[in-house]
Protein backbone atom coordinates (compact mmCIF):
# COMPACT_ATOMS: atom_id res chain seq x y z
CA MET A 1 2.00 3.93 20.66
CA ILE A 2 -1.07 4.55 18.62
CA ILE A 3 -4.68 3.68 19.83
CA ALA A 4 -6.38 2.59 17.00
CA ALA A 5 -9.82 0.83 18.80
CA CYS A 6 -10.80 0.45 22.66
CA SER A 7 -14.37 -1.54 23.94
CA ALA A 8 -14.88 -1.94 27.77
CA THR A 9 -16.81 -4.57 29.27
CA ARG A 10 -19.09 -2.95 31.72
CA GLY A 11 -16.75 -1.50 34.72
CA GLN A 12 -14.31 -3.57 34.77
CA GLU A 13 -12.66 -3.92 31.66
CA LEU A 14 -11.02 -2.12 29.83
CA ARG A 15 -9.65 -3.71 25.47
CA VAL A 16 -7.39 -1.92 23.64
CA THR A 17 -6.07 -2.51 20.44
CA LEU A 18 -2.59 -0.38 19.07
CA LEU A 19 -2.63 0.71 15.16
CA ASN A 20 0.32 -2.91 15.48
CA GLY A 21 -2.48 -5.36 15.81
CA VAL A 22 -1.07 -5.79 19.95
CA LYS A 23 -4.23 -5.57 22.07
CA LEU A 24 -3.92 -4.75 25.61
CA ARG A 25 -5.96 -5.41 28.24
CA LEU A 26 -6.32 -3.18 31.09
CA LEU A 27 -8.25 -5.45 33.70
CA ALA A 28 -8.88 -3.03 36.29
CA ARG A 29 -12.03 -1.67 37.79
CA LEU A 30 -12.45 1.46 35.57
CA ARG A 31 -14.83 3.40 38.90
CA GLY A 32 -15.59 6.20 36.75
CA VAL A 33 -15.96 8.01 33.10
CA ALA A 34 -13.45 10.23 32.63
CA ARG A 35 -15.55 12.80 31.15
CA ARG A 36 -13.57 16.51 28.60
CA THR A 37 -10.63 14.40 28.40
CA PRO A 38 -7.62 15.96 26.09
CA ALA A 39 -7.32 13.63 23.27
CA THR A 40 -6.75 14.57 19.07
CA SER A 41 -7.74 12.69 16.17
CA PHE A 42 -6.90 10.05 15.17
CA ILE A 43 -5.51 10.73 12.25
CA ARG A 44 -3.96 13.27 14.07
CA ALA A 45 -2.23 11.21 16.75
CA LEU A 46 -1.48 8.92 13.53
CA ILE A 47 1.08 11.99 11.92
CA ASP A 48 2.58 13.27 15.33
CA ALA A 49 3.64 9.80 15.84
CA ALA A 50 5.52 10.15 11.68
CA ARG A 51 8.01 12.87 13.08
CA ASP A 52 8.51 11.53 15.64
CA ALA A 53 9.84 8.58 13.75
CA THR A 54 13.04 7.52 12.34
CA ASN A 55 12.62 5.55 10.20
CA VAL A 56 10.67 5.87 6.26
CA ASP A 57 9.36 1.74 6.54
CA GLU A 58 8.49 2.13 10.01
CA VAL A 59 6.38 6.38 8.46
CA ARG A 60 4.74 3.04 5.30
CA ALA A 61 4.50 1.26 7.62
CA MET A 62 1.51 2.54 10.14
CA MET A 63 0.75 5.07 7.51
CA ALA A 64 -0.49 1.41 5.12
CA GLU A 65 -1.55 -0.20 7.79
CA ALA A 66 -5.18 2.70 8.67
CA ILE A 67 -6.30 2.98 5.29
CA GLN A 68 -5.89 -0.73 5.37
CA ARG A 69 -7.98 -1.05 8.01
CA ARG A 70 -10.07 1.91 7.41
CA PHE A 71 -8.96 3.88 10.28
CA CYS A 72 -8.11 6.62 7.58
CA THR A 73 -8.50 8.27 3.77
CA PRO A 74 -5.29 8.80 1.78
CA GLY A 75 -6.98 12.40 1.75
CA GLN A 76 -7.20 12.65 5.52
CA ILE A 77 -3.79 12.01 5.65
CA LEU A 78 -2.60 14.26 3.04
CA ASP A 79 -4.62 16.87 4.19
CA GLU A 80 -2.92 16.87 7.33
CA VAL A 81 0.15 16.19 6.67
CA ARG A 82 0.12 19.41 4.31
CA ASP A 83 -1.58 21.71 7.44
CA GLY A 84 0.76 20.39 9.78
CA PRO A 85 3.98 22.14 11.57
CA VAL A 86 7.65 21.49 8.58
CA ARG A 87 9.08 20.61 11.74
CA HIS A 88 10.31 17.19 12.09
CA SER A 89 7.46 16.39 9.39
CA GLN A 90 9.92 15.35 6.54
CA LEU A 91 9.38 11.51 6.54
CA ALA A 92 6.40 11.68 6.58
CA ARG A 93 5.57 14.59 3.73
CA LYS A 94 8.30 11.98 1.06
CA VAL A 95 5.19 8.96 2.53
CA ALA A 96 2.07 11.31 1.62
CA LEU A 97 3.83 11.84 -1.47
CA GLU A 98 4.44 8.19 -2.33
CA ILE A 99 0.66 7.25 -0.66
CA ALA A 100 -0.71 10.17 -3.08
CA ASP A 101 0.97 8.57 -6.05
CA GLY A 102 -0.78 5.61 -5.10
CA ILE A 103 1.47 2.93 -2.99
CA ARG A 104 -0.05 0.96 -0.23
CA SER A 105 3.11 -0.46 0.94
CA PRO A 106 6.11 0.17 2.39
CA ALA A 107 7.23 -2.46 -0.11
CA GLU A 108 5.87 -0.68 -3.23
CA GLY A 109 8.02 2.64 -1.35
CA TRP A 110 10.85 0.75 -2.53
CA LEU A 111 10.05 -0.08 -5.40
CA ARG A 112 8.79 3.24 -6.36
CA GLU A 113 12.49 4.57 -5.29
CA ALA A 114 14.67 2.86 -7.71
CA PHE A 115 12.21 3.79 -10.83
CA ILE A 116 12.30 7.39 -10.22
CA ARG A 117 16.59 6.60 -9.14
CA PHE A 118 16.42 4.68 -12.73
CA ARG A 119 14.20 6.99 -14.75
CA VAL A 120 11.84 3.84 -15.77
CA PRO A 121 8.82 5.63 -16.76
CA PRO A 122 6.22 6.31 -13.85
CA PRO A 123 3.82 2.85 -13.88
CA ARG A 124 0.58 2.70 -12.18
CA TRP A 125 0.24 1.68 -8.40
CA ASN A 126 -2.24 -0.81 -7.05
CA THR A 127 -4.07 -0.03 -10.01
CA VAL A 128 -8.23 -2.62 -9.85
CA LEU A 129 -7.90 -4.99 -12.17
CA ARG A 130 -12.24 -6.44 -13.33
CA ASP A 131 -13.18 -8.85 -15.97
CA ALA A 132 -15.57 -6.26 -18.16
CA ALA A 133 -17.76 -8.60 -18.29
CA THR A 134 -18.97 -9.22 -14.59
CA GLY A 135 -17.35 -6.72 -12.96
CA GLN A 136 -15.49 -9.35 -10.17
CA ILE A 137 -12.03 -8.49 -8.86
CA ILE A 138 -9.34 -9.81 -11.05
CA ALA A 139 -5.76 -8.74 -9.15
CA ILE A 140 -4.50 -5.13 -8.44
CA PRO A 141 -1.24 -5.68 -9.50
CA ASP A 142 1.62 -3.50 -7.45
CA ALA A 143 3.01 -1.56 -10.09
CA LEU A 144 1.56 -1.52 -13.40
CA TRP A 145 2.32 0.39 -17.27
CA ALA A 146 -1.55 0.15 -18.92
CA ASN A 147 -0.27 0.42 -22.67
CA ARG A 148 2.19 -1.84 -22.82
CA CYS A 149 0.60 -4.33 -19.73
CA VAL A 150 3.03 -5.31 -18.61
CA ILE A 151 2.80 -5.96 -14.84
CA ALA A 152 6.03 -5.54 -11.92
CA GLU A 153 4.89 -6.64 -7.90
CA VAL A 154 7.72 -6.30 -5.37
CA ASP A 155 7.62 -9.62 -1.66
CA SER A 156 8.48 -8.65 1.55
CA ARG A 157 8.29 -11.92 2.51
CA ASP A 158 11.22 -12.64 0.28
CA CYS A 159 12.27 -16.23 0.61
CA ARG A 160 9.46 -17.24 3.60
CA LEU A 161 6.04 -17.62 1.16
CA SER A 162 3.47 -20.59 2.50
CA PRO A 163 2.85 -23.40 0.21
CA GLU A 164 -0.59 -21.50 0.24
CA ASP A 165 1.08 -17.75 -0.71
CA TRP A 166 2.76 -19.81 -3.12
CA ASN A 167 0.29 -21.71 -4.76
CA ARG A 168 -2.07 -18.91 -4.80
CA THR A 169 0.48 -16.36 -6.76
CA GLN A 170 1.40 -18.88 -9.71
CA GLU A 171 -1.87 -19.21 -10.07
CA ARG A 172 -2.13 -15.20 -10.02
CA HIS A 173 1.28 -15.18 -12.74
CA THR A 174 -0.56 -17.35 -15.42
CA MET A 175 -3.30 -16.08 -15.29
CA LEU A 176 -2.15 -11.88 -15.89
CA THR A 177 -0.15 -13.83 -18.19
CA ALA A 178 -2.84 -16.04 -20.43
CA LEU A 179 -4.72 -11.96 -19.91
CA GLY A 180 -1.63 -10.62 -22.03
CA PHE A 181 -0.07 -8.94 -19.07
CA ALA A 182 3.85 -9.99 -18.86
CA VAL A 183 4.35 -9.82 -15.38
CA LEU A 184 7.39 -9.58 -13.64
CA HIS A 185 8.60 -10.99 -9.80
CA PHE A 186 10.55 -8.58 -7.34
CA ALA A 187 12.09 -9.56 -4.01
CA LEU A 188 11.88 -6.90 -1.58
CA SER A 189 16.22 -8.16 -0.29
CA ARG A 190 16.67 -7.67 -4.51
CA VAL A 191 15.03 -4.25 -4.72
CA LYS A 192 17.09 -2.62 -1.75
CA ALA A 193 20.97 -5.00 -3.31
CA ASP A 194 20.52 -4.51 -6.76
CA PRO A 195 17.76 -1.81 -8.40
CA GLU A 196 19.54 -1.08 -10.30
CA ALA A 197 19.32 -4.36 -12.42
CA VAL A 198 15.79 -4.69 -11.38
CA CYS A 199 15.78 -1.31 -13.30
CA ALA A 200 17.12 -2.90 -16.20
CA GLU A 201 14.41 -5.85 -16.56
CA VAL A 202 11.76 -3.18 -16.49
CA MET A 203 13.06 -1.41 -19.03
CA ALA A 204 13.45 -4.31 -20.89
CA ALA A 205 10.05 -6.53 -20.19
CA LEU A 206 8.55 -2.89 -20.86
CA THR A 207 10.85 -3.06 -24.38
CA ALA A 208 9.90 -6.15 -25.63
CA SER A 209 5.72 -5.58 -25.31
CA ALA A 210 6.14 -1.88 -27.70
CA SER A 211 3.17 -4.31 -29.58
CA ARG A 212 1.31 -5.28 -26.29
CA ARG A 213 -3.09 -4.54 -26.57
CA TRP A 214 -4.70 -3.64 -23.67
CA PRO A 215 -7.62 -6.91 -23.08
CA ARG A 216 -10.49 -6.57 -23.93
CA ALA A 217 -12.19 -9.36 -21.11
CA VAL A 218 -10.35 -6.38 -18.25
CA THR A 219 -11.06 -3.02 -17.36
CA MET A 220 -9.77 -0.74 -15.13
CA ALA A 221 -9.74 1.56 -11.61
CA ARG A 222 -7.85 2.71 -8.95
CA THR A 223 -7.92 0.96 -6.08
CA ASP A 224 -10.13 4.29 -3.66
CA ASP A 225 -12.08 4.33 -6.65
CA THR A 226 -15.49 3.15 -6.52
CA THR A 227 -15.88 2.73 -10.19
CA SER A 228 -14.08 1.56 -12.68
CA ARG A 229 -13.40 1.84 -16.81
CA PRO A 230 -12.29 0.73 -19.69
CA CYS A 231 -8.75 1.24 -20.41
CA VAL A 232 -7.67 3.99 -22.73
CA ALA A 233 -3.92 3.25 -23.39
């Protein structure tokens, strides 16, 4: 269990938020302030929890949430894993390497594993696509092959999309296609069950898109960058 945030009302109620979003309320009266209580940093607690985990998706989820909620940075995770004990750190180190590559969700981690296994050329992960004229964000695709203008998206919710989510996905697909991208969508269940077929479809799209050119109306930057830059294939 990792405490992500904590607040208290005056002398009475303590509110605790856990990393997975669960909120607790402790109603016991606080009669004093704890002083010199041994504690550790959030990043250390996160990596310690990762060492205790036995499931790679659990580690992926907790690290992704920590980054998305700005409790820590990718660099802090990499530093803590690198400098920490090696014992029981296999999963933490595996996910840290994924994070260094740009992975930001368990579903993307599975897709990356499939690409490595079946030798798909490595894409850029979570690249920010912006309107070159306004600087507004157009999309942040899961995987992008910039030199072929091919995008791959993986959805962990499979067929349980709400009508609103479905409409947004279709609008985004139409917009990216109109800009000149080839967009592929995969359910996570399929990536897990038949990664070879998924990778074959990606390879076919890359081959078919050899003549595509990057749209001048779009610039790109990594998710963690603060500025965008023109694409260089």
